[in-house]
N, C-alpha and C. Protein backbone atom coordinates (compact mmCIF):
# COMPACT_ATOMS: atom_id res chain seq x y z
N MET A 1 -62.21 -10.53 -47.90
CA MET A 1 -62.29 -11.74 -48.27
C MET A 1 -63.46 -12.29 -47.50
N GLY A 2 -64.42 -12.93 -47.92
CA GLY A 2 -65.51 -13.36 -47.15
C GLY A 2 -65.27 -14.43 -46.19
N HIS A 3 -65.90 -14.80 -45.38
CA HIS A 3 -65.97 -15.92 -44.23
C HIS A 3 -67.37 -16.52 -44.10
N ASP A 4 -67.10 -17.99 -43.44
CA ASP A 4 -68.56 -19.04 -43.60
C ASP A 4 -69.32 -18.46 -42.20
N ILE A 5 -70.25 -18.21 -42.74
CA ILE A 5 -71.69 -17.93 -41.76
C ILE A 5 -72.60 -19.06 -41.30
N LEU A 6 -72.44 -19.81 -40.36
CA LEU A 6 -72.95 -20.85 -39.60
C LEU A 6 -73.94 -20.33 -39.11
N VAL A 7 -75.38 -20.94 -39.44
CA VAL A 7 -76.86 -20.76 -38.73
C VAL A 7 -77.29 -21.77 -38.31
N ASP A 8 -77.64 -21.89 -37.31
CA ASP A 8 -78.30 -23.12 -36.32
C ASP A 8 -79.84 -22.76 -36.64
N GLY A 9 -80.23 -23.36 -37.75
CA GLY A 9 -81.66 -23.01 -38.16
C GLY A 9 -82.62 -22.96 -37.29
N TYR A 10 -82.76 -24.33 -36.72
CA TYR A 10 -83.75 -24.52 -35.67
C TYR A 10 -83.80 -23.67 -34.49
N ASN A 11 -82.66 -23.52 -34.09
CA ASN A 11 -82.24 -23.03 -32.78
C ASN A 11 -82.97 -21.18 -33.33
N VAL A 12 -82.48 -20.87 -34.42
CA VAL A 12 -83.13 -19.50 -34.67
C VAL A 12 -84.26 -19.33 -34.63
N ILE A 13 -84.94 -20.23 -35.48
CA ILE A 13 -86.69 -20.44 -35.56
C ILE A 13 -87.15 -20.20 -34.40
N LYS A 14 -86.82 -21.24 -33.61
CA LYS A 14 -87.55 -21.42 -32.12
C LYS A 14 -87.20 -20.24 -31.10
N ARG A 15 -85.96 -19.45 -31.46
CA ARG A 15 -86.05 -18.06 -30.38
C ARG A 15 -86.18 -16.81 -30.88
N ALA A 16 -86.22 -16.47 -32.12
CA ALA A 16 -86.38 -15.46 -32.56
C ALA A 16 -87.69 -14.98 -32.80
N PRO A 17 -88.15 -13.84 -32.24
CA PRO A 17 -89.65 -13.51 -32.17
C PRO A 17 -90.26 -13.39 -33.55
N SER A 18 -89.67 -12.75 -34.81
CA SER A 18 -90.03 -12.46 -35.99
C SER A 18 -90.80 -14.03 -36.53
N PHE A 19 -90.15 -15.24 -36.17
CA PHE A 19 -90.11 -16.18 -37.17
C PHE A 19 -91.65 -16.98 -36.09
N GLN A 20 -92.04 -16.53 -35.16
CA GLN A 20 -93.10 -17.29 -34.56
C GLN A 20 -94.51 -17.39 -35.16
N ALA A 21 -94.91 -16.38 -36.10
CA ALA A 21 -96.06 -16.47 -36.81
C ALA A 21 -95.92 -17.74 -37.84
N ALA A 22 -94.97 -17.60 -38.46
CA ALA A 22 -94.43 -18.43 -39.81
C ALA A 22 -94.57 -20.08 -39.09
N ARG A 23 -93.76 -20.10 -37.74
CA ARG A 23 -93.98 -21.26 -37.14
C ARG A 23 -95.12 -22.00 -36.78
N ALA A 24 -96.08 -21.21 -36.52
CA ALA A 24 -97.11 -21.78 -35.92
C ALA A 24 -98.08 -22.05 -37.01
N ARG A 25 -97.99 -21.38 -38.54
CA ARG A 25 -98.32 -22.14 -39.20
C ARG A 25 -97.63 -23.65 -39.75
N SER A 26 -96.58 -23.53 -40.14
CA SER A 26 -95.73 -24.65 -40.21
C SER A 26 -94.24 -24.26 -40.42
N LEU A 27 -93.51 -25.43 -39.94
CA LEU A 27 -92.10 -25.39 -39.74
C LEU A 27 -91.23 -25.21 -41.26
N ALA A 28 -91.78 -25.54 -42.03
CA ALA A 28 -91.32 -25.33 -43.48
C ALA A 28 -91.50 -23.75 -44.07
N GLU A 29 -92.62 -23.30 -43.60
CA GLU A 29 -92.75 -22.00 -44.09
C GLU A 29 -91.70 -21.06 -42.96
N ALA A 30 -91.54 -21.33 -41.52
CA ALA A 30 -90.60 -20.48 -41.09
C ALA A 30 -89.12 -20.69 -41.64
N ARG A 31 -88.73 -22.09 -42.03
CA ARG A 31 -87.59 -22.14 -42.79
C ARG A 31 -87.44 -21.55 -44.04
N GLU A 32 -88.25 -21.45 -44.86
CA GLU A 32 -88.24 -20.63 -46.02
C GLU A 32 -87.92 -19.05 -45.73
N GLN A 33 -88.61 -18.59 -44.55
CA GLN A 33 -88.67 -17.32 -44.27
C GLN A 33 -87.17 -17.00 -44.02
N LEU A 34 -86.65 -17.83 -43.11
CA LEU A 34 -85.13 -17.75 -42.48
C LEU A 34 -84.34 -17.61 -43.74
N ILE A 35 -84.39 -18.57 -44.77
CA ILE A 35 -83.62 -18.56 -46.10
C ILE A 35 -83.83 -17.33 -46.86
N VAL A 36 -85.24 -16.88 -47.00
CA VAL A 36 -85.12 -15.69 -47.83
C VAL A 36 -84.34 -14.31 -46.88
N LEU A 37 -84.71 -14.41 -45.92
CA LEU A 37 -84.18 -13.16 -44.79
C LEU A 37 -82.35 -13.50 -45.12
N LEU A 38 -82.02 -14.33 -44.79
CA LEU A 38 -80.54 -14.29 -45.26
C LEU A 38 -80.08 -14.17 -46.34
N ARG A 39 -80.71 -14.63 -47.50
CA ARG A 39 -80.74 -14.50 -48.76
C ARG A 39 -80.37 -12.96 -48.97
N ASN A 40 -81.62 -11.95 -48.59
CA ASN A 40 -81.50 -10.73 -48.77
C ASN A 40 -80.44 -10.07 -47.88
N ARG A 41 -80.31 -10.53 -46.86
CA ARG A 41 -79.10 -9.60 -46.11
C ARG A 41 -77.64 -10.03 -46.45
N TYR A 42 -77.52 -11.06 -47.15
CA TYR A 42 -76.05 -11.49 -47.26
C TYR A 42 -75.82 -11.50 -49.16
N ARG A 43 -76.70 -11.08 -49.99
CA ARG A 43 -76.62 -11.78 -51.32
C ARG A 43 -75.52 -10.50 -51.86
N HIS A 44 -75.10 -9.54 -51.29
CA HIS A 44 -73.97 -8.56 -51.92
C HIS A 44 -72.81 -8.71 -51.00
N THR A 45 -72.63 -9.84 -50.40
CA THR A 45 -71.35 -9.69 -49.68
C THR A 45 -70.70 -11.10 -50.28
N PRO A 46 -69.36 -10.93 -49.80
CA PRO A 46 -68.38 -12.09 -50.19
C PRO A 46 -68.61 -13.60 -49.30
N HIS A 47 -69.50 -13.30 -48.63
CA HIS A 47 -69.60 -14.43 -47.28
C HIS A 47 -70.46 -15.81 -47.82
N GLN A 48 -69.72 -16.98 -47.31
CA GLN A 48 -70.76 -18.23 -47.62
C GLN A 48 -71.82 -18.52 -46.23
N VAL A 49 -73.19 -18.54 -46.74
CA VAL A 49 -74.08 -18.84 -45.60
C VAL A 49 -74.83 -19.94 -45.64
N ILE A 50 -74.37 -20.87 -44.40
CA ILE A 50 -74.61 -22.33 -44.21
C ILE A 50 -75.64 -22.21 -43.10
N VAL A 51 -76.94 -22.72 -43.81
CA VAL A 51 -77.93 -22.79 -42.40
C VAL A 51 -77.99 -24.48 -42.26
N VAL A 52 -77.84 -24.75 -40.89
CA VAL A 52 -77.87 -26.13 -40.59
C VAL A 52 -79.22 -26.43 -40.00
N PHE A 53 -80.09 -27.56 -40.33
CA PHE A 53 -81.32 -28.04 -39.81
C PHE A 53 -80.88 -29.67 -39.20
N ASP A 54 -81.60 -29.80 -38.32
CA ASP A 54 -81.67 -31.27 -37.89
C ASP A 54 -82.67 -31.91 -39.13
N GLY A 55 -81.80 -33.20 -39.50
CA GLY A 55 -82.81 -34.05 -40.24
C GLY A 55 -82.75 -35.38 -39.88
N ASP A 56 -83.66 -36.18 -40.70
CA ASP A 56 -84.07 -37.56 -40.41
C ASP A 56 -83.89 -38.48 -41.60
N ALA A 57 -82.99 -37.84 -42.71
CA ALA A 57 -82.83 -38.92 -43.75
C ALA A 57 -81.44 -39.67 -43.27
N ALA A 58 -81.00 -41.09 -44.30
CA ALA A 58 -80.18 -42.01 -44.00
C ALA A 58 -78.87 -41.11 -44.47
N GLN A 59 -79.01 -40.30 -45.22
CA GLN A 59 -77.84 -39.25 -45.43
C GLN A 59 -77.79 -37.85 -45.39
N GLU A 60 -76.83 -37.27 -45.25
CA GLU A 60 -76.99 -35.63 -44.93
C GLU A 60 -77.16 -35.13 -46.48
N GLN A 61 -78.31 -34.29 -46.07
CA GLN A 61 -78.74 -33.77 -47.57
C GLN A 61 -78.34 -32.11 -47.69
N VAL A 62 -77.76 -32.00 -48.83
CA VAL A 62 -77.39 -30.46 -49.00
C VAL A 62 -78.19 -30.05 -50.27
N SER A 63 -78.39 -28.75 -50.33
CA SER A 63 -79.15 -27.93 -51.34
C SER A 63 -78.49 -26.57 -51.14
N HIS A 64 -78.84 -25.75 -52.16
CA HIS A 64 -78.37 -24.57 -52.31
C HIS A 64 -79.65 -23.57 -52.88
N ALA A 65 -79.96 -22.63 -51.97
CA ALA A 65 -81.23 -21.85 -52.54
C ALA A 65 -80.67 -20.40 -52.47
N GLN A 66 -80.10 -20.09 -53.80
CA GLN A 66 -79.85 -18.74 -54.33
C GLN A 66 -78.64 -18.24 -53.21
N ARG A 67 -77.68 -18.71 -53.25
CA ARG A 67 -76.39 -18.57 -52.15
C ARG A 67 -76.37 -18.97 -50.83
N ILE A 68 -77.43 -19.44 -50.47
CA ILE A 68 -77.51 -19.99 -49.27
C ILE A 68 -77.36 -21.31 -49.47
N ARG A 69 -76.51 -22.06 -48.49
CA ARG A 69 -76.35 -23.38 -48.70
C ARG A 69 -77.24 -24.12 -47.25
N VAL A 70 -78.00 -25.06 -47.49
CA VAL A 70 -79.01 -25.51 -46.64
C VAL A 70 -78.59 -27.19 -46.52
N VAL A 71 -78.19 -27.13 -45.50
CA VAL A 71 -77.79 -28.69 -44.75
C VAL A 71 -78.73 -29.22 -43.68
N TYR A 72 -79.20 -30.58 -44.22
CA TYR A 72 -80.06 -31.38 -43.17
C TYR A 72 -79.02 -32.59 -42.58
N SER A 73 -78.72 -32.66 -41.27
CA SER A 73 -78.06 -33.64 -40.98
C SER A 73 -79.00 -35.16 -40.97
N ARG A 74 -78.08 -35.96 -41.03
CA ARG A 74 -78.37 -37.30 -41.29
C ARG A 74 -79.10 -37.81 -39.90
N ARG A 75 -79.64 -39.10 -40.07
CA ARG A 75 -80.59 -39.55 -38.87
C ARG A 75 -79.32 -39.96 -37.77
N GLY A 76 -79.76 -39.68 -36.56
CA GLY A 76 -78.47 -40.01 -35.53
C GLY A 76 -77.52 -39.00 -35.56
N GLU A 77 -77.51 -37.63 -36.34
CA GLU A 77 -76.54 -36.81 -36.05
C GLU A 77 -77.07 -35.60 -36.10
N THR A 78 -76.78 -34.64 -35.00
CA THR A 78 -77.63 -33.57 -34.51
C THR A 78 -76.88 -32.33 -35.53
N ALA A 79 -77.46 -31.33 -35.43
CA ALA A 79 -77.08 -30.27 -36.63
C ALA A 79 -76.05 -29.33 -35.61
N ASP A 80 -75.84 -29.93 -34.55
CA ASP A 80 -74.81 -29.26 -33.66
C ASP A 80 -73.47 -29.88 -34.23
N ALA A 81 -73.73 -31.12 -34.42
CA ALA A 81 -72.59 -31.78 -34.61
C ALA A 81 -71.97 -31.27 -36.21
N VAL A 82 -73.08 -31.37 -37.01
CA VAL A 82 -72.56 -30.94 -38.30
C VAL A 82 -71.82 -29.43 -38.27
N ILE A 83 -72.39 -28.58 -37.40
CA ILE A 83 -71.88 -27.08 -37.35
C ILE A 83 -70.55 -27.43 -36.80
N ALA A 84 -70.27 -28.05 -35.96
CA ALA A 84 -68.86 -28.22 -35.09
C ALA A 84 -68.13 -28.93 -36.35
N ARG A 85 -68.41 -29.79 -37.05
CA ARG A 85 -67.68 -30.38 -38.39
C ARG A 85 -67.39 -29.02 -39.59
N LEU A 86 -68.28 -28.72 -39.91
CA LEU A 86 -68.14 -27.29 -40.71
C LEU A 86 -67.21 -26.80 -40.41
N SER A 87 -67.42 -26.22 -38.74
CA SER A 87 -66.14 -25.13 -38.49
C SER A 87 -64.98 -25.44 -38.44
N VAL A 88 -64.69 -26.88 -38.01
CA VAL A 88 -63.46 -27.18 -38.12
C VAL A 88 -62.96 -27.39 -39.55
N GLU A 89 -63.67 -27.44 -40.50
CA GLU A 89 -63.35 -27.83 -41.96
C GLU A 89 -63.00 -26.46 -42.35
N ALA A 90 -63.41 -25.31 -42.23
CA ALA A 90 -63.53 -23.88 -42.43
C ALA A 90 -62.26 -23.30 -42.06
N ARG A 91 -62.06 -23.78 -40.73
CA ARG A 91 -60.58 -23.24 -40.17
C ARG A 91 -59.58 -23.93 -40.60
N ARG A 92 -59.64 -25.32 -40.94
CA ARG A 92 -58.61 -25.84 -41.76
C ARG A 92 -58.21 -25.15 -43.25
N ALA A 93 -59.27 -24.78 -43.81
CA ALA A 93 -59.11 -24.06 -45.09
C ALA A 93 -58.58 -22.66 -44.99
N GLY A 94 -58.37 -22.11 -43.94
CA GLY A 94 -58.05 -20.85 -43.52
C GLY A 94 -59.22 -19.63 -43.65
N ARG A 95 -60.48 -20.12 -43.38
CA ARG A 95 -61.54 -19.25 -43.79
C ARG A 95 -61.78 -18.92 -42.28
N GLU A 96 -62.51 -17.69 -42.26
CA GLU A 96 -63.20 -17.27 -40.75
C GLU A 96 -64.41 -17.70 -40.69
N VAL A 97 -64.66 -18.02 -39.28
CA VAL A 97 -65.80 -18.67 -39.11
C VAL A 97 -66.74 -17.81 -38.10
N GLU A 98 -68.09 -17.75 -38.34
CA GLU A 98 -69.13 -16.94 -37.62
C GLU A 98 -70.16 -17.73 -37.27
N ILE A 99 -70.79 -18.08 -36.16
CA ILE A 99 -71.78 -18.97 -35.97
C ILE A 99 -73.24 -17.82 -35.51
N TYR A 100 -74.31 -17.91 -35.41
CA TYR A 100 -75.45 -17.79 -34.76
C TYR A 100 -76.27 -18.75 -34.27
N SER A 101 -76.17 -18.84 -32.96
CA SER A 101 -76.83 -19.84 -32.20
C SER A 101 -76.64 -19.44 -30.71
N ASP A 102 -78.09 -19.85 -30.09
CA ASP A 102 -77.81 -19.34 -28.65
C ASP A 102 -77.52 -20.50 -27.72
N ASP A 103 -77.34 -21.74 -28.64
CA ASP A 103 -76.86 -23.13 -27.84
C ASP A 103 -75.24 -22.85 -27.51
N ILE A 104 -74.98 -23.03 -26.15
CA ILE A 104 -73.74 -22.29 -25.59
C ILE A 104 -72.64 -23.39 -26.02
N GLU A 105 -72.99 -24.69 -26.30
CA GLU A 105 -71.95 -25.75 -26.53
C GLU A 105 -71.66 -25.50 -27.93
N VAL A 106 -72.80 -25.26 -28.86
CA VAL A 106 -72.34 -25.01 -30.19
C VAL A 106 -71.69 -23.71 -29.98
N GLN A 107 -71.78 -22.61 -29.48
CA GLN A 107 -70.79 -21.75 -29.39
C GLN A 107 -69.46 -21.66 -28.92
N ARG A 108 -69.47 -22.59 -28.00
CA ARG A 108 -68.25 -22.76 -27.40
C ARG A 108 -67.27 -23.61 -28.47
N THR A 109 -67.86 -24.44 -29.24
CA THR A 109 -67.20 -25.22 -30.25
C THR A 109 -66.62 -24.59 -31.17
N VAL A 110 -67.49 -23.48 -31.39
CA VAL A 110 -66.83 -22.61 -32.77
C VAL A 110 -65.71 -21.74 -32.24
N VAL A 111 -66.10 -21.40 -30.99
CA VAL A 111 -64.98 -20.04 -30.46
C VAL A 111 -63.75 -20.86 -30.34
N LEU A 112 -63.66 -22.24 -29.79
CA LEU A 112 -62.46 -23.11 -29.62
C LEU A 112 -61.78 -23.35 -30.89
N GLN A 113 -62.56 -23.10 -31.99
CA GLN A 113 -61.81 -23.35 -33.24
C GLN A 113 -61.33 -22.05 -33.73
N GLY A 114 -61.35 -21.22 -33.15
CA GLY A 114 -60.97 -19.59 -33.54
C GLY A 114 -61.94 -18.96 -34.12
N GLY A 115 -63.25 -19.24 -34.25
CA GLY A 115 -64.40 -18.65 -34.83
C GLY A 115 -65.23 -17.54 -33.66
N ALA A 116 -66.12 -16.92 -34.35
CA ALA A 116 -66.88 -15.80 -33.51
C ALA A 116 -68.11 -16.34 -33.26
N ALA A 117 -68.74 -16.15 -31.94
CA ALA A 117 -69.96 -16.65 -31.54
C ALA A 117 -70.91 -15.61 -31.69
N GLN A 118 -72.22 -15.48 -32.33
CA GLN A 118 -73.14 -14.63 -32.19
C GLN A 118 -74.49 -15.15 -31.65
N THR A 119 -75.31 -14.52 -30.95
CA THR A 119 -76.67 -14.79 -30.58
C THR A 119 -77.51 -14.96 -31.70
N THR A 120 -78.71 -15.59 -31.56
CA THR A 120 -79.95 -15.45 -32.59
C THR A 120 -80.56 -14.04 -32.84
N GLY A 121 -80.51 -13.24 -31.50
CA GLY A 121 -80.91 -11.91 -31.52
C GLY A 121 -80.24 -10.74 -32.25
N GLN A 122 -78.85 -10.94 -32.54
CA GLN A 122 -77.98 -10.48 -33.02
C GLN A 122 -78.23 -10.53 -34.47
N LEU A 123 -78.73 -11.99 -35.09
CA LEU A 123 -78.97 -12.25 -36.38
C LEU A 123 -80.02 -11.80 -36.87
N GLU A 124 -81.19 -11.70 -35.99
CA GLU A 124 -82.60 -11.15 -36.28
C GLU A 124 -81.91 -9.69 -36.45
N ARG A 125 -81.40 -9.03 -35.50
CA ARG A 125 -81.39 -7.30 -35.73
C ARG A 125 -80.67 -6.98 -37.22
N GLN A 126 -79.76 -7.97 -37.24
CA GLN A 126 -78.85 -7.91 -38.71
C GLN A 126 -79.98 -8.11 -40.21
N VAL A 127 -80.67 -9.31 -40.08
CA VAL A 127 -81.49 -9.28 -41.06
C VAL A 127 -82.43 -8.38 -41.48
N HIS A 128 -82.95 -7.68 -40.23
CA HIS A 128 -83.96 -6.85 -40.58
C HIS A 128 -83.66 -5.14 -40.55
N ALA A 129 -82.14 -5.16 -40.35
CA ALA A 129 -81.61 -3.93 -40.38
C ALA A 129 -81.71 -3.07 -41.73
N ALA A 130 -81.90 -1.86 -41.81
CA ALA A 130 -81.76 -1.09 -43.26
C ALA A 130 -80.17 -1.29 -43.75
N PRO A 131 -80.31 -1.13 -45.32
CA PRO A 131 -78.81 -1.28 -45.41
C PRO A 131 -78.18 -0.10 -44.96
N ARG A 132 -76.76 -0.29 -45.07
CA ARG A 132 -75.61 0.74 -44.39
C ARG A 132 -76.19 1.92 -44.97
N ASP A 133 -76.06 2.36 -46.60
CA ASP A 133 -76.36 3.42 -46.92
C ASP A 133 -77.57 4.07 -46.40
N VAL A 134 -78.78 3.46 -46.20
CA VAL A 134 -79.95 4.06 -45.97
C VAL A 134 -79.83 4.43 -44.51
N GLU A 135 -79.23 3.66 -43.96
CA GLU A 135 -79.08 4.02 -42.17
C GLU A 135 -77.97 5.42 -42.47
N ARG A 136 -76.86 5.50 -42.73
CA ARG A 136 -76.27 6.62 -43.01
C ARG A 136 -76.83 7.92 -43.50
N ARG A 137 -77.98 7.49 -44.33
CA ARG A 137 -78.48 9.02 -44.93
C ARG A 137 -79.35 9.19 -43.78
N ALA A 138 -80.19 8.05 -43.40
CA ALA A 138 -81.06 8.71 -42.04
C ALA A 138 -80.57 9.57 -40.81
N ARG A 139 -79.31 8.68 -40.53
CA ARG A 139 -78.56 9.62 -39.34
C ARG A 139 -78.24 10.74 -39.66
N HIS A 140 -77.78 10.88 -41.14
CA HIS A 140 -77.43 12.20 -41.63
C HIS A 140 -78.51 13.41 -41.54
N ARG A 141 -79.72 12.68 -41.89
CA ARG A 141 -80.74 13.67 -41.75
C ARG A 141 -81.37 14.12 -40.15
N MET A 142 -81.18 12.96 -39.52
CA MET A 142 -81.42 13.61 -38.19
C MET A 142 -80.48 14.55 -37.89
N ALA A 143 -79.42 14.53 -38.07
CA ALA A 143 -78.39 15.29 -37.56
C ALA A 143 -78.82 16.81 -38.13
N MET A 144 -78.99 16.80 -39.16
CA MET A 144 -79.31 17.88 -39.94
C MET A 144 -80.61 18.55 -39.54
N ARG A 145 -81.66 17.91 -39.14
CA ARG A 145 -82.77 18.13 -38.50
C ARG A 145 -82.40 18.93 -37.50
N ARG A 146 -81.86 18.31 -36.28
CA ARG A 146 -81.35 18.89 -35.25
C ARG A 146 -80.58 20.23 -35.28
N LYS A 147 -79.54 20.05 -36.02
CA LYS A 147 -78.57 21.38 -36.27
C LYS A 147 -79.41 22.53 -36.66
N TYR A 148 -80.51 22.36 -37.68
CA TYR A 148 -81.62 23.62 -38.25
C TYR A 148 -82.45 23.66 -37.48
N GLY A 149 -82.76 22.83 -36.20
CA GLY A 149 -83.85 23.17 -35.62
C GLY A 149 -85.44 22.65 -35.90
N LEU A 150 -85.19 21.76 -36.91
CA LEU A 150 -86.41 21.45 -37.63
C LEU A 150 -87.18 20.28 -36.94
N ASP A 151 -86.80 20.15 -35.77
CA ASP A 151 -87.12 18.95 -34.89
C ASP A 151 -88.44 19.50 -34.14
N ALA A 152 -88.85 20.62 -34.30
CA ALA A 152 -89.64 21.11 -33.52
C ALA A 152 -91.14 20.66 -33.61
N PRO A 153 -91.98 20.65 -32.50
CA PRO A 153 -93.24 19.72 -32.70
C PRO A 153 -93.89 20.41 -34.06
N TYR A 154 -94.63 19.34 -34.39
CA TYR A 154 -95.61 20.00 -35.76
C TYR A 154 -96.61 20.73 -34.83
N VAL A 155 -97.13 21.96 -35.60
CA VAL A 155 -98.18 22.73 -35.22
C VAL A 155 -99.13 22.96 -36.54
N GLU A 156 -100.64 22.70 -36.24
CA GLU A 156 -101.54 22.80 -37.07
C GLU A 156 -101.72 24.41 -37.28
N GLU A 157 -102.01 24.62 -38.78
CA GLU A 157 -101.95 25.89 -39.27
C GLU A 157 -102.94 26.99 -38.20
N ASP A 158 -104.28 26.31 -37.93
CA ASP A 158 -105.13 26.78 -36.92
C ASP A 158 -104.85 27.01 -35.58
N GLU A 159 -104.27 26.00 -35.07
CA GLU A 159 -103.40 26.11 -33.80
C GLU A 159 -102.44 27.10 -33.37
N GLU A 160 -102.39 27.63 -32.08
CA GLU A 160 -101.49 28.55 -31.83
C GLU A 160 -100.20 27.42 -31.11
N PRO A 161 -99.10 27.87 -31.45
CA PRO A 161 -98.19 27.16 -30.75
C PRO A 161 -97.86 27.21 -29.33
N ALA A 162 -97.52 26.25 -28.97
CA ALA A 162 -97.51 25.98 -27.38
C ALA A 162 -96.60 27.11 -26.97
N ARG A 163 -96.95 27.82 -25.75
CA ARG A 163 -96.05 28.62 -25.18
C ARG A 163 -95.55 28.54 -23.82
N SER A 164 -94.38 29.00 -23.61
CA SER A 164 -94.18 28.85 -22.16
C SER A 164 -94.92 29.50 -21.01
N PRO A 165 -95.21 28.74 -19.80
CA PRO A 165 -96.17 29.72 -18.80
C PRO A 165 -95.53 31.29 -18.30
N GLY A 166 -94.40 31.10 -18.66
CA GLY A 166 -94.16 33.02 -18.18
C GLY A 166 -93.84 34.06 -19.23
N LYS A 167 -94.47 33.54 -20.63
CA LYS A 167 -94.54 34.48 -21.52
C LYS A 167 -95.91 35.05 -21.86
N LYS A 168 -96.07 36.35 -21.92
CA LYS A 168 -97.42 36.67 -22.37
C LYS A 168 -97.72 37.11 -23.75
N LYS A 169 -98.71 36.86 -24.27
CA LYS A 169 -98.97 37.44 -25.63
C LYS A 169 -99.01 38.86 -25.74
N LYS A 170 -98.44 39.43 -26.80
CA LYS A 170 -98.79 41.17 -26.79
C LYS A 170 -99.96 41.34 -27.42
N LYS A 171 -100.66 42.19 -27.06
CA LYS A 171 -101.85 42.43 -27.72
C LYS A 171 -101.69 43.50 -28.77
N ARG A 172 -102.54 43.30 -30.06
CA ARG A 172 -102.40 44.38 -31.14
C ARG A 172 -103.22 45.29 -30.74
N ARG A 173 -102.84 46.49 -31.28
CA ARG A 173 -103.81 47.73 -31.35
C ARG A 173 -104.15 48.14 -32.21
């Protein structure tokens, strides 16, 4: 069963190092980068991902960007308030809630509703992580290389391998 993943959009963009270059160019580019990363990370999951940004329109604006629900708060309402409301609604509907934000008040609100709070750093690690099957194969390859001694330092063909100081080379006759 999937659950609701709430992302405090501007909090992530401002704090996560991977968004700094895009943010320097434009905030719109950083928002788009966040949405693309979330879409790629959660596209094969049953989770509902909701990214909330502070908005300035008279009404709350909601759009969908390929499985990612994007919400802009209305003028006078913070993204934090929208996240709290969405968290309450999801818990009332019986869905699990997970929040990604470094804002302590937002985390506390979601946790009090029975949800889980994660940091922006944890989200950044997740969106940049390799898929599970690739990670599992890489760990297996490393274990096999250690098991069979294939992790020895690479030696050029014309170089002699490094010797320990106590061993002497046998002379050929």
